[in-house]
Amino acid sequence: MFIKRKNWLIGAAAATTLAASAAVWSMGPGGGDHDPGRMLTHMADKLDLTAAQQASVEELMSASREANQADRQRLQVLRQQLQAMRGDFDADKAQGIADEIGQITSRMVFQTSKTWSGVYQLLDAEQRAELDNLMARREAHRGKPHKAGGQAPE
């Protein structure tokens, strides 16, 4: 029982890390969207997903993207409003925008966490262990400079 709970907590922590990353990314300077197809291909390869698992993961990710679409668009508008205030800063208006960004980010973090929890539930024990390992390695390299090709220095 303790091991199941520990594994679930590790998975939840990994999902939360991904959720937080997605939320921070969504508030970045703007620009292009990440490629969910590439992420799914990477997951399928690294975790050896079955065709049924791939289809279920794709469905979960698609539903999450759709649920977050309006929020992503609103974040873009809010970022533009904040940038437009550079020359004529209005503290009350900026605080209102920041508060709304916080609410949107909260919804997006929840949605992403919910999605990754669903993905985690689709995995068997071996796949969960590999995902936990991948997430631990990713966390260990977070914030470290990378060499060309995306590899963290040894």
C-alpha atoms as a PDB file:
ATOM      1  CA  MET A   1       0.000   0.000   0.000  1.00  0.00           C
ATOM      2  CA  PHE A   2       2.808   2.411   0.941  1.00  0.00           C
ATOM      3  CA  ILE A   3       4.632   1.725  -2.346  1.00  0.00           C
ATOM      4  CA  LYS A   4       1.467   2.352  -4.381  1.00  0.00           C
ATOM      5  CA  ARG A   5       0.925   5.637  -2.570  1.00  0.00           C
ATOM      6  CA  LYS A   6       4.586   6.592  -3.018  1.00  0.00           C
ATOM      7  CA  ASN A   7       4.442   5.812  -6.754  1.00  0.00           C
ATOM      8  CA  TRP A   8       1.204   7.764  -7.101  1.00  0.00           C
ATOM      9  CA  LEU A   9       2.739  10.734  -5.286  1.00  0.00           C
ATOM     10  CA  ILE A  10       5.815  10.614  -7.513  1.00  0.00           C
ATOM     11  CA  GLY A  11       3.556  10.538 -10.555  1.00  0.00           C
ATOM     12  CA  ALA A  12       1.460  13.378  -9.192  1.00  0.00           C
ATOM     13  CA  ALA A  13       4.615  15.395  -8.541  1.00  0.00           C
ATOM     14  CA  ALA A  14       5.778  14.728 -12.091  1.00  0.00           C
ATOM     15  CA  ALA A  15       2.400  15.762 -13.467  1.00  0.00           C
ATOM     16  CA  THR A  16       2.415  18.910 -11.346  1.00  0.00           C
ATOM     17  CA  THR A  17       5.908  19.755 -12.572  1.00  0.00           C
ATOM     18  CA  LEU A  18       4.706  19.410 -16.152  1.00  0.00           C
ATOM     19  CA  ALA A  19       1.626  21.456 -15.370  1.00  0.00           C
ATOM     20  CA  ALA A  20       3.654  24.243 -13.809  1.00  0.00           C
ATOM     21  CA  SER A  21       6.033  24.188 -16.774  1.00  0.00           C
ATOM     22  CA  ALA A  22       3.122  24.458 -19.170  1.00  0.00           C
ATOM     23  CA  ALA A  23       1.642  27.372 -17.258  1.00  0.00           C
ATOM     24  CA  VAL A  24       4.933  29.245 -17.111  1.00  0.00           C
ATOM     25  CA  TRP A  25       5.512  28.548 -20.783  1.00  0.00           C
ATOM     26  CA  SER A  26       2.050  29.829 -21.615  1.00  0.00           C
ATOM     27  CA  MET A  27       2.866  33.187 -20.057  1.00  0.00           C
ATOM     28  CA  GLY A  28       6.206  33.510 -21.840  1.00  0.00           C
ATOM     29  CA  PRO A  29       7.013  36.138 -24.399  1.00  0.00           C
ATOM     30  CA  GLY A  30       4.595  34.621 -26.864  1.00  0.00           C
ATOM     31  CA  GLY A  31       5.352  33.054 -30.188  1.00  0.00           C
ATOM     32  CA  GLY A  32       4.693  29.587 -31.530  1.00  0.00           C
ATOM     33  CA  ASP A  33       2.898  26.687 -29.955  1.00  0.00           C
ATOM     34  CA  HIS A  34       4.670  23.520 -28.829  1.00  0.00           C
ATOM     35  CA  ASP A  35       4.144  20.446 -30.960  1.00  0.00           C
ATOM     36  CA  PRO A  36       1.841  17.958 -29.179  1.00  0.00           C
ATOM     37  CA  GLY A  37       2.406  15.415 -31.957  1.00  0.00           C
ATOM     38  CA  ARG A  38       6.135  15.486 -31.303  1.00  0.00           C
ATOM     39  CA  MET A  39       5.531  15.089 -27.562  1.00  0.00           C
ATOM     40  CA  LEU A  40       3.222  12.117 -28.186  1.00  0.00           C
ATOM     41  CA  THR A  41       5.772  10.501 -30.510  1.00  0.00           C
ATOM     42  CA  HIS A  42       8.485  11.006 -27.882  1.00  0.00           C
ATOM     43  CA  MET A  43       6.285   9.501 -25.160  1.00  0.00           C
ATOM     44  CA  ALA A  44       5.283   6.575 -27.359  1.00  0.00           C
ATOM     45  CA  ASP A  45       8.930   5.855 -28.082  1.00  0.00           C
ATOM     46  CA  LYS A  46      10.306   6.317 -24.560  1.00  0.00           C
ATOM     47  CA  LEU A  47       7.441   4.537 -22.772  1.00  0.00           C
ATOM     48  CA  ASP A  48       6.717   1.939 -25.461  1.00  0.00           C
ATOM     49  CA  LEU A  49       3.029   2.879 -25.593  1.00  0.00           C
ATOM     50  CA  THR A  50       0.578   0.545 -27.253  1.00  0.00           C
ATOM     51  CA  ALA A  51      -1.573   1.846 -30.093  1.00  0.00           C
ATOM     52  CA  ALA A  52      -4.538   1.993 -27.723  1.00  0.00           C
ATOM     53  CA  GLN A  53      -2.521   3.951 -25.152  1.00  0.00           C
ATOM     54  CA  GLN A  54      -1.313   6.354 -27.848  1.00  0.00           C
ATOM     55  CA  ALA A  55      -4.876   6.966 -28.985  1.00  0.00           C
ATOM     56  CA  SER A  56      -6.036   7.564 -25.399  1.00  0.00           C
ATOM     57  CA  VAL A  57      -3.126   9.923 -24.662  1.00  0.00           C
ATOM     58  CA  GLU A  58      -3.789  11.825 -27.877  1.00  0.00           C
ATOM     59  CA  GLU A  59      -7.467  12.130 -26.918  1.00  0.00           C
ATOM     60  CA  LEU A  60      -6.576  13.442 -23.435  1.00  0.00           C
ATOM     61  CA  MET A  61      -4.088  15.950 -24.849  1.00  0.00           C
ATOM     62  CA  SER A  62      -6.504  17.119 -27.516  1.00  0.00           C
ATOM     63  CA  ALA A  63      -9.268  17.666 -24.959  1.00  0.00           C
ATOM     64  CA  SER A  64      -6.836  19.593 -22.752  1.00  0.00           C
ATOM     65  CA  ARG A  65      -5.693  21.786 -25.667  1.00  0.00           C
ATOM     66  CA  GLU A  66      -9.306  22.557 -26.522  1.00  0.00           C
ATOM     67  CA  ALA A  67     -10.159  23.314 -22.887  1.00  0.00           C
ATOM     68  CA  ASN A  68      -7.207  25.710 -22.630  1.00  0.00           C
ATOM     69  CA  GLN A  69      -7.560  27.374 -26.056  1.00  0.00           C
ATOM     70  CA  ALA A  70      -9.641  30.353 -24.907  1.00  0.00           C
ATOM     71  CA  ASP A  71      -7.357  30.876 -21.902  1.00  0.00           C
ATOM     72  CA  ARG A  72      -4.238  30.843 -24.114  1.00  0.00           C
ATOM     73  CA  GLN A  73      -5.815  33.430 -26.389  1.00  0.00           C
ATOM     74  CA  ARG A  74      -6.808  35.589 -23.417  1.00  0.00           C
ATOM     75  CA  LEU A  75      -3.270  35.373 -22.010  1.00  0.00           C
ATOM     76  CA  GLN A  76      -1.905  36.671 -25.296  1.00  0.00           C
ATOM     77  CA  VAL A  77      -4.255  39.669 -25.132  1.00  0.00           C
ATOM     78  CA  LEU A  78      -3.306  40.343 -21.492  1.00  0.00           C
ATOM     79  CA  ARG A  79       0.428  40.164 -22.267  1.00  0.00           C
ATOM     80  CA  GLN A  80      -0.086  42.671 -25.084  1.00  0.00           C
ATOM     81  CA  GLN A  81      -1.985  44.991 -22.726  1.00  0.00           C
ATOM     82  CA  LEU A  82       0.850  44.858 -20.197  1.00  0.00           C
ATOM     83  CA  GLN A  83       3.432  45.543 -22.898  1.00  0.00           C
ATOM     84  CA  ALA A  84       1.402  48.489 -24.144  1.00  0.00           C
ATOM     85  CA  MET A  85       1.666  50.050 -20.664  1.00  0.00           C
ATOM     86  CA  ARG A  86       5.440  50.395 -20.802  1.00  0.00           C
ATOM     87  CA  GLY A  87       5.263  54.074 -21.603  1.00  0.00           C
ATOM     88  CA  ASP A  88       2.160  54.901 -19.551  1.00  0.00           C
ATOM     89  CA  PHE A  89       1.982  52.534 -16.579  1.00  0.00           C
ATOM     90  CA  ASP A  90      -1.332  52.292 -14.723  1.00  0.00           C
ATOM     91  CA  ALA A  91      -0.723  50.344 -11.491  1.00  0.00           C
ATOM     92  CA  ASP A  92      -4.397  49.542 -10.844  1.00  0.00           C
ATOM     93  CA  LYS A  93      -4.981  48.309 -14.379  1.00  0.00           C
ATOM     94  CA  ALA A  94      -1.715  46.310 -14.335  1.00  0.00           C
ATOM     95  CA  GLN A  95      -2.722  44.703 -11.029  1.00  0.00           C
ATOM     96  CA  GLY A  96      -6.099  43.733 -12.483  1.00  0.00           C
ATOM     97  CA  ILE A  97      -4.397  42.194 -15.502  1.00  0.00           C
ATOM     98  CA  ALA A  98      -1.925  40.362 -13.258  1.00  0.00           C
ATOM     99  CA  ASP A  99      -4.795  39.027 -11.138  1.00  0.00           C
ATOM    100  CA  GLU A 100      -6.590  37.758 -14.227  1.00  0.00           C
ATOM    101  CA  ILE A 101      -3.376  36.124 -15.465  1.00  0.00           C
ATOM    102  CA  GLY A 102      -3.154  34.381 -12.092  1.00  0.00           C
ATOM    103  CA  GLN A 103      -6.700  33.049 -12.387  1.00  0.00           C
ATOM    104  CA  ILE A 104      -6.108  31.821 -15.927  1.00  0.00           C
ATOM    105  CA  THR A 105      -2.811  30.232 -14.960  1.00  0.00           C
ATOM    106  CA  SER A 106      -4.523  28.450 -12.083  1.00  0.00           C
ATOM    107  CA  ARG A 107      -7.121  26.973 -14.449  1.00  0.00           C
ATOM    108  CA  MET A 108      -4.436  25.930 -16.916  1.00  0.00           C
ATOM    109  CA  VAL A 109      -2.278  24.310 -14.241  1.00  0.00           C
ATOM    110  CA  PHE A 110      -5.312  22.392 -12.979  1.00  0.00           C
ATOM    111  CA  GLN A 111      -6.273  21.272 -16.501  1.00  0.00           C
ATOM    112  CA  THR A 112      -2.728  20.167 -17.299  1.00  0.00           C
ATOM    113  CA  SER A 113      -2.392  18.348 -13.992  1.00  0.00           C
ATOM    114  CA  LYS A 114      -5.715  16.605 -14.629  1.00  0.00           C
ATOM    115  CA  THR A 115      -4.563  15.588 -18.112  1.00  0.00           C
ATOM    116  CA  TRP A 116      -1.222  14.200 -16.939  1.00  0.00           C
ATOM    117  CA  SER A 117      -2.932  12.324 -14.139  1.00  0.00           C
ATOM    118  CA  GLY A 118      -5.134  10.732 -16.789  1.00  0.00           C
ATOM    119  CA  VAL A 119      -2.073   9.839 -18.851  1.00  0.00           C
ATOM    120  CA  TYR A 120      -0.377   8.342 -15.790  1.00  0.00           C
ATOM    121  CA  GLN A 121      -3.441   6.177 -15.122  1.00  0.00           C
ATOM    122  CA  LEU A 122      -3.200   4.741 -18.650  1.00  0.00           C
ATOM    123  CA  LEU A 123       0.327   3.441 -18.036  1.00  0.00           C
ATOM    124  CA  ASP A 124       1.297   0.065 -16.637  1.00  0.00           C
ATOM    125  CA  ALA A 125       3.714  -0.222 -13.704  1.00  0.00           C
ATOM    126  CA  GLU A 126       6.823  -0.453 -15.904  1.00  0.00           C
ATOM    127  CA  GLN A 127       5.796   2.569 -17.982  1.00  0.00           C
ATOM    128  CA  ARG A 128       5.045   4.570 -14.833  1.00  0.00           C
ATOM    129  CA  ALA A 129       8.489   3.744 -13.457  1.00  0.00           C
ATOM    130  CA  GLU A 130      10.094   4.870 -16.728  1.00  0.00           C
ATOM    131  CA  LEU A 131       8.039   8.084 -16.758  1.00  0.00           C
ATOM    132  CA  ASP A 132       9.064   8.761 -13.155  1.00  0.00           C
ATOM    133  CA  ASN A 133      12.693   8.205 -14.163  1.00  0.00           C
ATOM    134  CA  LEU A 134      12.395  10.518 -17.170  1.00  0.00           C
ATOM    135  CA  MET A 135      10.779  13.227 -15.057  1.00  0.00           C
ATOM    136  CA  ALA A 136      13.445  12.916 -12.346  1.00  0.00           C
ATOM    137  CA  ARG A 137      16.184  13.301 -14.966  1.00  0.00           C
ATOM    138  CA  ARG A 138      14.378  16.273 -16.480  1.00  0.00           C
ATOM    139  CA  GLU A 139      14.043  17.915 -13.070  1.00  0.00           C
ATOM    140  CA  ALA A 140      17.730  17.310 -12.340  1.00  0.00           C
ATOM    141  CA  HIS A 141      18.675  19.170 -15.541  1.00  0.00           C
ATOM    142  CA  ARG A 142      16.186  22.003 -15.089  1.00  0.00           C
ATOM    143  CA  GLY A 143      17.872  25.380 -15.205  1.00  0.00           C
ATOM    144  CA  LYS A 144      21.253  24.015 -16.298  1.00  0.00           C
ATOM    145  CA  PRO A 145      22.802  25.239 -19.534  1.00  0.00           C
ATOM    146  CA  HIS A 146      22.544  22.872 -22.490  1.00  0.00           C
ATOM    147  CA  LYS A 147      25.025  21.991 -25.192  1.00  0.00           C
ATOM    148  CA  ALA A 148      24.035  22.177 -28.835  1.00  0.00           C
ATOM    149  CA  GLY A 149      21.504  19.470 -29.585  1.00  0.00           C
ATOM    150  CA  GLY A 150      19.606  19.948 -26.325  1.00  0.00           C
ATOM    151  CA  GLN A 151      21.827  17.734 -24.180  1.00  0.00           C
ATOM    152  CA  ALA A 152      22.699  18.913 -20.675  1.00  0.00           C
ATOM    153  CA  PRO A 153      26.434  18.960 -19.927  1.00  0.00           C
ATOM    154  CA  GLU A 154      27.736  16.021 -17.941  1.00  0.00           C
END
